Amino acid sequence: MGSFSIWHWLIVLLIVVMVFGTKKLKNIGSDLGGAVKGFKDGMRDGAASVDEKPAAPAAQVSGAAAADKTTIDVEARHKS
């Protein structure tokens, strides 16, 4: 009883296809592949950004803020 034979796995696969359908299984597979690719790209970008000197953040300037050039410090408060 230690392992299943190929027939057990084929029956399980058949039941899964009958329950979910081939289209949904295809979408799940491509979503999983995209998630793995995105994770790998993020890990590669994260390792590259640690080695590099961080760039200065881009300033978002509107007409009024460009003329005034002051910042307002606010404090986030938790709702209780």
PDB file of N, CA and C in Angstrom:
ATOM      1  N   MET A   1       0.813  -1.209   0.000  1.00  0.00           N
ATOM      2  CA  MET A   1       0.000   0.000   0.000  1.00  0.00           C
ATOM      3  C   MET A   1       0.845   1.257   0.000  1.00  0.00           C
ATOM      4  N   GLY A   2       2.149   1.129  -0.152  1.00  0.00           N
ATOM      5  CA  GLY A   2       3.050   2.271  -0.057  1.00  0.00           C
ATOM      6  C   GLY A   2       2.875   3.280  -1.174  1.00  0.00           C
ATOM      7  N   SER A   3       2.710   2.819  -2.408  1.00  0.00           N
ATOM      8  CA  SER A   3       2.601   3.771  -3.511  1.00  0.00           C
ATOM      9  C   SER A   3       1.425   3.392  -4.410  1.00  0.00           C
ATOM     10  N   PHE A   4       0.997   4.372  -5.167  1.00  0.00           N
ATOM     11  CA  PHE A   4      -0.115   4.141  -6.078  1.00  0.00           C
ATOM     12  C   PHE A   4       0.420   3.707  -7.435  1.00  0.00           C
ATOM     13  N   SER A   5      -0.358   2.927  -8.137  1.00  0.00           N
ATOM     14  CA  SER A   5       0.037   2.527  -9.486  1.00  0.00           C
ATOM     15  C   SER A   5      -0.381   3.616 -10.473  1.00  0.00           C
ATOM     16  N   ILE A   6       0.014   3.437 -11.718  1.00  0.00           N
ATOM     17  CA  ILE A   6      -0.327   4.405 -12.759  1.00  0.00           C
ATOM     18  C   ILE A   6      -1.837   4.490 -12.949  1.00  0.00           C
ATOM     19  N   TRP A   7      -2.536   3.406 -12.732  1.00  0.00           N
ATOM     20  CA  TRP A   7      -3.998   3.403 -12.906  1.00  0.00           C
ATOM     21  C   TRP A   7      -4.675   4.273 -11.856  1.00  0.00           C
ATOM     22  N   HIS A   8      -4.153   4.272 -10.636  1.00  0.00           N
ATOM     23  CA  HIS A   8      -4.727   5.140  -9.605  1.00  0.00           C
ATOM     24  C   HIS A   8      -4.575   6.608  -9.996  1.00  0.00           C
ATOM     25  N   TRP A   9      -3.383   6.971 -10.487  1.00  0.00           N
ATOM     26  CA  TRP A   9      -3.139   8.358 -10.872  1.00  0.00           C
ATOM     27  C   TRP A   9      -3.977   8.768 -12.078  1.00  0.00           C
ATOM     28  N   LEU A  10      -4.185   7.848 -13.023  1.00  0.00           N
ATOM     29  CA  LEU A  10      -5.038   8.164 -14.180  1.00  0.00           C
ATOM     30  C   LEU A  10      -6.485   8.389 -13.763  1.00  0.00           C
ATOM     31  N   ILE A  11      -6.970   7.606 -12.824  1.00  0.00           N
ATOM     32  CA  ILE A  11      -8.341   7.784 -12.332  1.00  0.00           C
ATOM     33  C   ILE A  11      -8.461   9.121 -11.603  1.00  0.00           C
ATOM     34  N   VAL A  12      -7.481   9.466 -10.786  1.00  0.00           N
ATOM     35  CA  VAL A  12      -7.502  10.753 -10.081  1.00  0.00           C
ATOM     36  C   VAL A  12      -7.475  11.903 -11.087  1.00  0.00           C
ATOM     37  N   LEU A  13      -6.624  11.790 -12.116  1.00  0.00           N
ATOM     38  CA  LEU A  13      -6.552  12.817 -13.150  1.00  0.00           C
ATOM     39  C   LEU A  13      -7.883  12.952 -13.882  1.00  0.00           C
ATOM     40  N   LEU A  14      -8.514  11.845 -14.195  1.00  0.00           N
ATOM     41  CA  LEU A  14      -9.818  11.866 -14.877  1.00  0.00           C
ATOM     42  C   LEU A  14     -10.873  12.561 -14.020  1.00  0.00           C
ATOM     43  N   ILE A  15     -10.878  12.267 -12.734  1.00  0.00           N
ATOM     44  CA  ILE A  15     -11.861  12.897 -11.831  1.00  0.00           C
ATOM     45  C   ILE A  15     -11.606  14.401 -11.732  1.00  0.00           C
ATOM     46  N   VAL A  16     -10.338  14.808 -11.644  1.00  0.00           N
ATOM     47  CA  VAL A  16     -10.007  16.236 -11.564  1.00  0.00           C
ATOM     48  C   VAL A  16     -10.444  16.951 -12.838  1.00  0.00           C
ATOM     49  N   VAL A  17     -10.211  16.348 -13.993  1.00  0.00           N
ATOM     50  CA  VAL A  17     -10.623  16.965 -15.262  1.00  0.00           C
ATOM     51  C   VAL A  17     -12.141  17.057 -15.333  1.00  0.00           C
ATOM     52  N   MET A  18     -12.826  16.037 -14.852  1.00  0.00           N
ATOM     53  CA  MET A  18     -14.290  16.074 -14.882  1.00  0.00           C
ATOM     54  C   MET A  18     -14.842  17.144 -13.946  1.00  0.00           C
ATOM     55  N   VAL A  19     -14.200  17.351 -12.811  1.00  0.00           N
ATOM     56  CA  VAL A  19     -14.697  18.335 -11.842  1.00  0.00           C
ATOM     57  C   VAL A  19     -14.398  19.759 -12.307  1.00  0.00           C
ATOM     58  N   PHE A  20     -13.157  20.025 -12.709  1.00  0.00           N
ATOM     59  CA  PHE A  20     -12.759  21.388 -13.031  1.00  0.00           C
ATOM     60  C   PHE A  20     -12.895  21.740 -14.505  1.00  0.00           C
ATOM     61  N   GLY A  21     -12.782  20.786 -15.391  1.00  0.00           N
ATOM     62  CA  GLY A  21     -12.826  21.066 -16.817  1.00  0.00           C
ATOM     63  C   GLY A  21     -11.454  21.452 -17.338  1.00  0.00           C
ATOM     64  N   THR A  22     -11.237  21.227 -18.613  1.00  0.00           N
ATOM     65  CA  THR A  22      -9.909  21.462 -19.183  1.00  0.00           C
ATOM     66  C   THR A  22      -9.571  22.945 -19.286  1.00  0.00           C
ATOM     67  N   LYS A  23     -10.575  23.783 -19.544  1.00  0.00           N
ATOM     68  CA  LYS A  23     -10.302  25.216 -19.690  1.00  0.00           C
ATOM     69  C   LYS A  23      -9.835  25.824 -18.370  1.00  0.00           C
ATOM     70  N   LYS A  24     -10.500  25.479 -17.280  1.00  0.00           N
ATOM     71  CA  LYS A  24     -10.112  26.024 -15.985  1.00  0.00           C
ATOM     72  C   LYS A  24      -8.735  25.503 -15.569  1.00  0.00           C
ATOM     73  N   LEU A  25      -8.442  24.228 -15.863  1.00  0.00           N
ATOM     74  CA  LEU A  25      -7.132  23.680 -15.534  1.00  0.00           C
ATOM     75  C   LEU A  25      -6.033  24.365 -16.347  1.00  0.00           C
ATOM     76  N   LYS A  26      -6.334  24.686 -17.607  1.00  0.00           N
ATOM     77  CA  LYS A  26      -5.357  25.391 -18.444  1.00  0.00           C
ATOM     78  C   LYS A  26      -5.092  26.782 -17.876  1.00  0.00           C
ATOM     79  N   ASN A  27      -6.148  27.472 -17.450  1.00  0.00           N
ATOM     80  CA  ASN A  27      -5.987  28.810 -16.870  1.00  0.00           C
ATOM     81  C   ASN A  27      -5.195  28.751 -15.566  1.00  0.00           C
ATOM     82  N   ILE A  28      -5.452  27.737 -14.752  1.00  0.00           N
ATOM     83  CA  ILE A  28      -4.720  27.598 -13.493  1.00  0.00           C
ATOM     84  C   ILE A  28      -3.242  27.364 -13.779  1.00  0.00           C
ATOM     85  N   GLY A  29      -2.946  26.540 -14.770  1.00  0.00           N
ATOM     86  CA  GLY A  29      -1.555  26.258 -15.122  1.00  0.00           C
ATOM     87  C   GLY A  29      -0.831  27.482 -15.629  1.00  0.00           C
ATOM     88  N   SER A  30      -1.478  28.267 -16.490  1.00  0.00           N
ATOM     89  CA  SER A  30      -0.816  29.469 -17.009  1.00  0.00           C
ATOM     90  C   SER A  30      -0.689  30.536 -15.923  1.00  0.00           C
ATOM     91  N   ASP A  31      -1.661  30.636 -15.023  1.00  0.00           N
ATOM     92  CA  ASP A  31      -1.550  31.580 -13.910  1.00  0.00           C
ATOM     93  C   ASP A  31      -0.403  31.193 -12.977  1.00  0.00           C
ATOM     94  N   LEU A  32      -0.271  29.911 -12.710  1.00  0.00           N
ATOM     95  CA  LEU A  32       0.810  29.435 -11.851  1.00  0.00           C
ATOM     96  C   LEU A  32       2.164  29.686 -12.510  1.00  0.00           C
ATOM     97  N   GLY A  33       2.262  29.435 -13.804  1.00  0.00           N
ATOM     98  CA  GLY A  33       3.506  29.703 -14.528  1.00  0.00           C
ATOM     99  C   GLY A  33       3.863  31.179 -14.523  1.00  0.00           C
ATOM    100  N   GLY A  34       2.870  32.047 -14.698  1.00  0.00           N
ATOM    101  CA  GLY A  34       3.106  33.491 -14.657  1.00  0.00           C
ATOM    102  C   GLY A  34       3.545  33.956 -13.275  1.00  0.00           C
ATOM    103  N   ALA A  35       2.968  33.346 -12.241  1.00  0.00           N
ATOM    104  CA  ALA A  35       3.348  33.710 -10.882  1.00  0.00           C
ATOM    105  C   ALA A  35       4.787  33.303 -10.585  1.00  0.00           C
ATOM    106  N   VAL A  36       5.178  32.119 -11.040  1.00  0.00           N
ATOM    107  CA  VAL A  36       6.553  31.662 -10.832  1.00  0.00           C
ATOM    108  C   VAL A  36       7.524  32.560 -11.597  1.00  0.00           C
ATOM    109  N   LYS A  37       7.178  32.920 -12.826  1.00  0.00           N
ATOM    110  CA  LYS A  37       8.042  33.803 -13.621  1.00  0.00           C
ATOM    111  C   LYS A  37       8.166  35.173 -12.970  1.00  0.00           C
ATOM    112  N   GLY A  38       7.056  35.712 -12.482  1.00  0.00           N
ATOM    113  CA  GLY A  38       7.090  36.999 -11.795  1.00  0.00           C
ATOM    114  C   GLY A  38       7.920  36.949 -10.524  1.00  0.00           C
ATOM    115  N   PHE A  39       7.838  35.833  -9.801  1.00  0.00           N
ATOM    116  CA  PHE A  39       8.632  35.670  -8.586  1.00  0.00           C
ATOM    117  C   PHE A  39      10.119  35.635  -8.920  1.00  0.00           C
ATOM    118  N   LYS A  40      10.474  34.894  -9.963  1.00  0.00           N
ATOM    119  CA  LYS A  40      11.883  34.823 -10.366  1.00  0.00           C
ATOM    120  C   LYS A  40      12.395  36.186 -10.813  1.00  0.00           C
ATOM    121  N   ASP A  41      11.590  36.930 -11.578  1.00  0.00           N
ATOM    122  CA  ASP A  41      11.987  38.270 -12.019  1.00  0.00           C
ATOM    123  C   ASP A  41      12.145  39.207 -10.824  1.00  0.00           C
ATOM    124  N   GLY A  42      11.244  39.093  -9.864  1.00  0.00           N
ATOM    125  CA  GLY A  42      11.332  39.919  -8.658  1.00  0.00           C
ATOM    126  C   GLY A  42      12.567  39.606  -7.844  1.00  0.00           C
ATOM    127  N   MET A  43      12.905  38.332  -7.743  1.00  0.00           N
ATOM    128  CA  MET A  43      14.109  37.950  -7.005  1.00  0.00           C
ATOM    129  C   MET A  43      15.352  38.468  -7.715  1.00  0.00           C
ATOM    130  N   ARG A  44      15.368  38.405  -9.045  1.00  0.00           N
ATOM    131  CA  ARG A  44      16.511  38.887  -9.807  1.00  0.00           C
ATOM    132  C   ARG A  44      16.623  40.412  -9.676  1.00  0.00           C
ATOM    133  N   ASP A  45      15.505  41.126  -9.761  1.00  0.00           N
ATOM    134  CA  ASP A  45      15.517  42.584  -9.623  1.00  0.00           C
ATOM    135  C   ASP A  45      15.893  42.988  -8.202  1.00  0.00           C
ATOM    136  N   GLY A  46      15.433  42.233  -7.228  1.00  0.00           N
ATOM    137  CA  GLY A  46      15.760  42.529  -5.835  1.00  0.00           C
ATOM    138  C   GLY A  46      17.239  42.364  -5.562  1.00  0.00           C
ATOM    139  N   ALA A  47      17.846  41.345  -6.129  1.00  0.00           N
ATOM    140  CA  ALA A  47      19.278  41.128  -5.937  1.00  0.00           C
ATOM    141  C   ALA A  47      20.075  42.209  -6.651  1.00  0.00           C
ATOM    142  N   ALA A  48      19.610  42.669  -7.804  1.00  0.00           N
ATOM    143  CA  ALA A  48      20.312  43.714  -8.545  1.00  0.00           C
ATOM    144  C   ALA A  48      20.193  45.054  -7.824  1.00  0.00           C
ATOM    145  N   SER A  49      19.055  45.343  -7.222  1.00  0.00           N
ATOM    146  CA  SER A  49      18.874  46.633  -6.568  1.00  0.00           C
ATOM    147  C   SER A  49      19.634  46.712  -5.254  1.00  0.00           C
ATOM    148  N   VAL A  50      19.934  45.575  -4.626  1.00  0.00           N
ATOM    149  CA  VAL A  50      20.726  45.596  -3.405  1.00  0.00           C
ATOM    150  C   VAL A  50      22.165  45.983  -3.731  1.00  0.00           C
ATOM    151  N   ASP A  51      22.667  45.520  -4.881  1.00  0.00           N
ATOM    152  CA  ASP A  51      24.032  45.825  -5.282  1.00  0.00           C
ATOM    153  C   ASP A  51      24.191  47.275  -5.728  1.00  0.00           C
ATOM    154  N   GLU A  52      23.160  47.818  -6.343  1.00  0.00           N
ATOM    155  CA  GLU A  52      23.229  49.176  -6.861  1.00  0.00           C
ATOM    156  C   GLU A  52      22.933  50.190  -5.766  1.00  0.00           C
ATOM    157  N   LYS A  53      23.381  51.417  -6.003  1.00  0.00           N
ATOM    158  CA  LYS A  53      23.015  52.507  -5.105  1.00  0.00           C
ATOM    159  C   LYS A  53      21.578  52.898  -5.427  1.00  0.00           C
ATOM    160  N   PRO A  54      20.726  53.018  -4.426  1.00  0.00           N
ATOM    161  CA  PRO A  54      19.329  53.361  -4.712  1.00  0.00           C
ATOM    162  C   PRO A  54      19.209  54.741  -5.351  1.00  0.00           C
ATOM    163  N   ALA A  55      18.381  54.817  -6.354  1.00  0.00           N
ATOM    164  CA  ALA A  55      18.162  56.077  -7.049  1.00  0.00           C
ATOM    165  C   ALA A  55      17.249  56.969  -6.219  1.00  0.00           C
ATOM    166  N   ALA A  56      17.374  58.266  -6.445  1.00  0.00           N
ATOM    167  CA  ALA A  56      16.503  59.218  -5.757  1.00  0.00           C
ATOM    168  C   ALA A  56      15.087  59.038  -6.273  1.00  0.00           C
ATOM    169  N   PRO A  57      14.092  59.111  -5.399  1.00  0.00           N
ATOM    170  CA  PRO A  57      12.704  58.937  -5.851  1.00  0.00           C
ATOM    171  C   PRO A  57      12.282  60.069  -6.778  1.00  0.00           C
ATOM    172  N   ALA A  58      11.461  59.720  -7.729  1.00  0.00           N
ATOM    173  CA  ALA A  58      10.959  60.725  -8.670  1.00  0.00           C
ATOM    174  C   ALA A  58       9.975  61.631  -7.951  1.00  0.00           C
ATOM    175  N   ALA A  59      10.115  62.912  -8.153  1.00  0.00           N
ATOM    176  CA  ALA A  59       9.234  63.873  -7.507  1.00  0.00           C
ATOM    177  C   ALA A  59       7.959  64.027  -8.326  1.00  0.00           C
ATOM    178  N   GLN A  60       6.853  64.014  -7.639  1.00  0.00           N
ATOM    179  CA  GLN A  60       5.573  64.266  -8.289  1.00  0.00           C
ATOM    180  C   GLN A  60       5.241  65.730  -8.033  1.00  0.00           C
ATOM    181  N   VAL A  61       5.247  66.497  -9.097  1.00  0.00           N
ATOM    182  CA  VAL A  61       5.108  67.937  -8.949  1.00  0.00           C
ATOM    183  C   VAL A  61       3.817  68.378  -9.619  1.00  0.00           C
ATOM    184  N   SER A  62       3.017  69.111  -8.875  1.00  0.00           N
ATOM    185  CA  SER A  62       1.839  69.738  -9.468  1.00  0.00           C
ATOM    186  C   SER A  62       2.114  71.238  -9.523  1.00  0.00           C
ATOM    187  N   GLY A  63       1.249  71.997 -10.135  1.00  0.00           N
ATOM    188  CA  GLY A  63       1.458  73.436 -10.301  1.00  0.00           C
ATOM    189  C   GLY A  63       1.620  74.170  -8.987  1.00  0.00           C
ATOM    190  N   ALA A  64       0.761  73.920  -8.008  1.00  0.00           N
ATOM    191  CA  ALA A  64       0.819  74.620  -6.730  1.00  0.00           C
ATOM    192  C   ALA A  64       2.009  74.148  -5.900  1.00  0.00           C
ATOM    193  N   ALA A  65       2.288  72.865  -5.932  1.00  0.00           N
ATOM    194  CA  ALA A  65       3.386  72.335  -5.119  1.00  0.00           C
ATOM    195  C   ALA A  65       4.730  72.783  -5.680  1.00  0.00           C
ATOM    196  N   ALA A  66       4.831  72.983  -6.982  1.00  0.00           N
ATOM    197  CA  ALA A  66       6.095  73.418  -7.574  1.00  0.00           C
ATOM    198  C   ALA A  66       6.418  74.841  -7.151  1.00  0.00           C
ATOM    199  N   ALA A  67       5.424  75.694  -7.038  1.00  0.00           N
ATOM    200  CA  ALA A  67       5.658  77.084  -6.659  1.00  0.00           C
ATOM    201  C   ALA A  67       5.948  77.201  -5.163  1.00  0.00           C
ATOM    202  N   ASP A  68       5.291  76.406  -4.331  1.00  0.00           N
ATOM    203  CA  ASP A  68       5.409  76.507  -2.878  1.00  0.00           C
ATOM    204  C   ASP A  68       6.646  75.768  -2.359  1.00  0.00           C
ATOM    205  N   LYS A  69       6.912  74.582  -2.842  1.00  0.00           N
ATOM    206  CA  LYS A  69       8.050  73.738  -2.471  1.00  0.00           C
ATOM    207  C   LYS A  69       8.145  73.507  -0.975  1.00  0.00           C
ATOM    208  N   THR A  70       7.037  73.273  -0.324  1.00  0.00           N
ATOM    209  CA  THR A  70       7.047  72.899   1.085  1.00  0.00           C
ATOM    210  C   THR A  70       6.423  71.518   1.214  1.00  0.00           C
ATOM    211  N   THR A  71       6.791  70.848   2.264  1.00  0.00           N
ATOM    212  CA  THR A  71       6.182  69.541   2.524  1.00  0.00           C
ATOM    213  C   THR A  71       5.403  69.601   3.815  1.00  0.00           C
ATOM    214  N   ILE A  72       4.421  68.793   3.879  1.00  0.00           N
ATOM    215  CA  ILE A  72       3.597  68.724   5.071  1.00  0.00           C
ATOM    216  C   ILE A  72       3.798  67.352   5.683  1.00  0.00           C
ATOM    217  N   ASP A  73       4.197  67.313   6.932  1.00  0.00           N
ATOM    218  CA  ASP A  73       4.393  66.042   7.624  1.00  0.00           C
ATOM    219  C   ASP A  73       3.096  65.688   8.351  1.00  0.00           C
ATOM    220  N   VAL A  74       2.595  64.514   8.083  1.00  0.00           N
ATOM    221  CA  VAL A  74       1.376  64.076   8.757  1.00  0.00           C
ATOM    222  C   VAL A  74       1.657  62.779   9.484  1.00  0.00           C
ATOM    223  N   GLU A  75       0.860  62.510  10.472  1.00  0.00           N
ATOM    224  CA  GLU A  75       1.041  61.320  11.275  1.00  0.00           C
ATOM    225  C   GLU A  75      -0.164  60.408  11.090  1.00  0.00           C
ATOM    226  N   ALA A  76       0.101  59.162  10.775  1.00  0.00           N
ATOM    227  CA  ALA A  76      -0.987  58.192  10.605  1.00  0.00           C
ATOM    228  C   ALA A  76      -1.456  57.747  11.991  1.00  0.00           C
ATOM    229  N   ARG A  77      -2.745  57.713  12.152  1.00  0.00           N
ATOM    230  CA  ARG A  77      -3.305  57.304  13.436  1.00  0.00           C
ATOM    231  C   ARG A  77      -4.175  56.091  13.239  1.00  0.00           C
ATOM    232  N   HIS A  78      -4.163  55.217  14.195  1.00  0.00           N
ATOM    233  CA  HIS A  78      -4.973  53.999  14.150  1.00  0.00           C
ATOM    234  C   HIS A  78      -6.371  54.294  14.678  1.00  0.00           C
ATOM    235  N   LYS A  79      -7.360  53.725  14.023  1.00  0.00           N
ATOM    236  CA  LYS A  79      -8.721  53.840  14.536  1.00  0.00           C
ATOM    237  C   LYS A  79      -8.891  52.876  15.689  1.00  0.00           C
ATOM    238  N   SER A  80      -9.539  53.337  16.735  1.00  0.00           N
ATOM    239  CA  SER A  80      -9.773  52.413  17.843  1.00  0.00           C
ATOM    240  C   SER A  80     -11.234  52.266  18.140  1.00  0.00           C
TER     241      SER A  80
END
